[in-house]
Amino acid sequence: MVNRVIGIVLIVFGAPLVGIAGIAGNVIGEKVHEGVGRAVSVGGVLAVLGVAM
């Protein structure tokens, strides 16, 4: 009985935490993705300039 109560409590409190973590992960992922995209585009421009020179 105690195990079931603990399980329910974990689900009730765990689900929102997992949801929040997921959202935070998405936001961080987007920022990282943006940063990587910028770095790649800057790198691409520099590479083109390097080849041009």
C-alpha atoms as a PDB file:
ATOM      1  CA  MET A   1       0.000   0.000   0.000  1.00  0.00           C
ATOM      2  CA  VAL A   2       2.810   2.370   0.931  1.00  0.00           C
ATOM      3  CA  ASN A   3       4.581   1.568  -2.345  1.00  0.00           C
ATOM      4  CA  ARG A   4       1.457   2.451  -4.314  1.00  0.00           C
ATOM      5  CA  VAL A   5       1.146   5.815  -2.508  1.00  0.00           C
ATOM      6  CA  ILE A   6       4.826   6.548  -3.163  1.00  0.00           C
ATOM      7  CA  GLY A   7       4.310   5.596  -6.815  1.00  0.00           C
ATOM      8  CA  ILE A   8       1.330   7.948  -7.154  1.00  0.00           C
ATOM      9  CA  VAL A   9       3.221  10.781  -5.455  1.00  0.00           C
ATOM     10  CA  LEU A  10       6.210  10.222  -7.767  1.00  0.00           C
ATOM     11  CA  ILE A  11       3.947  10.288 -10.822  1.00  0.00           C
ATOM     12  CA  VAL A  12       2.058  13.402  -9.667  1.00  0.00           C
ATOM     13  CA  PHE A  13       5.251  15.317  -8.843  1.00  0.00           C
ATOM     14  CA  GLY A  14       7.519  13.652 -11.401  1.00  0.00           C
ATOM     15  CA  ALA A  15       5.413  14.256 -14.516  1.00  0.00           C
ATOM     16  CA  PRO A  16       5.476  18.083 -14.272  1.00  0.00           C
ATOM     17  CA  LEU A  17       9.199  18.021 -13.470  1.00  0.00           C
ATOM     18  CA  VAL A  18       9.872  15.890 -16.538  1.00  0.00           C
ATOM     19  CA  GLY A  19       7.691  18.256 -18.592  1.00  0.00           C
ATOM     20  CA  ILE A  20       9.581  21.304 -17.300  1.00  0.00           C
ATOM     21  CA  ALA A  21      12.913  19.586 -17.941  1.00  0.00           C
ATOM     22  CA  GLY A  22      11.760  18.733 -21.468  1.00  0.00           C
ATOM     23  CA  ILE A  23      10.743  22.341 -22.169  1.00  0.00           C
ATOM     24  CA  ALA A  24      14.025  23.628 -20.715  1.00  0.00           C
ATOM     25  CA  GLY A  25      15.883  21.079 -22.847  1.00  0.00           C
ATOM     26  CA  ASN A  26      14.066  22.283 -25.965  1.00  0.00           C
ATOM     27  CA  VAL A  27      14.871  25.930 -25.212  1.00  0.00           C
ATOM     28  CA  ILE A  28      18.542  25.118 -24.515  1.00  0.00           C
ATOM     29  CA  GLY A  29      18.637  22.923 -27.628  1.00  0.00           C
ATOM     30  CA  GLU A  30      17.286  25.767 -29.763  1.00  0.00           C
ATOM     31  CA  LYS A  31      19.849  28.206 -28.367  1.00  0.00           C
ATOM     32  CA  VAL A  32      22.669  25.701 -28.958  1.00  0.00           C
ATOM     33  CA  HIS A  33      21.324  24.983 -32.441  1.00  0.00           C
ATOM     34  CA  GLU A  34      21.223  28.727 -33.199  1.00  0.00           C
ATOM     35  CA  GLY A  35      24.769  29.114 -31.925  1.00  0.00           C
ATOM     36  CA  VAL A  36      25.978  26.155 -33.996  1.00  0.00           C
ATOM     37  CA  GLY A  37      24.148  27.483 -37.060  1.00  0.00           C
ATOM     38  CA  ARG A  38      25.807  30.888 -36.635  1.00  0.00           C
ATOM     39  CA  ALA A  39      29.238  29.360 -36.083  1.00  0.00           C
ATOM     40  CA  VAL A  40      28.824  27.225 -39.221  1.00  0.00           C
ATOM     41  CA  SER A  41      27.633  30.165 -41.336  1.00  0.00           C
ATOM     42  CA  VAL A  42      30.482  32.360 -40.053  1.00  0.00           C
ATOM     43  CA  GLY A  43      32.904  29.491 -40.691  1.00  0.00           C
ATOM     44  CA  GLY A  44      31.465  29.100 -44.187  1.00  0.00           C
ATOM     45  CA  VAL A  45      31.918  32.812 -44.934  1.00  0.00           C
ATOM     46  CA  LEU A  46      35.482  32.731 -43.628  1.00  0.00           C
ATOM     47  CA  ALA A  47      36.220  29.617 -45.698  1.00  0.00           C
ATOM     48  CA  VAL A  48      34.837  31.267 -48.862  1.00  0.00           C
ATOM     49  CA  LEU A  49      36.886  34.413 -48.127  1.00  0.00           C
ATOM     50  CA  GLY A  50      39.950  32.237 -47.513  1.00  0.00           C
ATOM     51  CA  VAL A  51      39.464  30.446 -50.838  1.00  0.00           C
ATOM     52  CA  ALA A  52      38.817  33.765 -52.621  1.00  0.00           C
ATOM     53  CA  MET A  53      42.095  35.170 -51.267  1.00  0.00           C
END
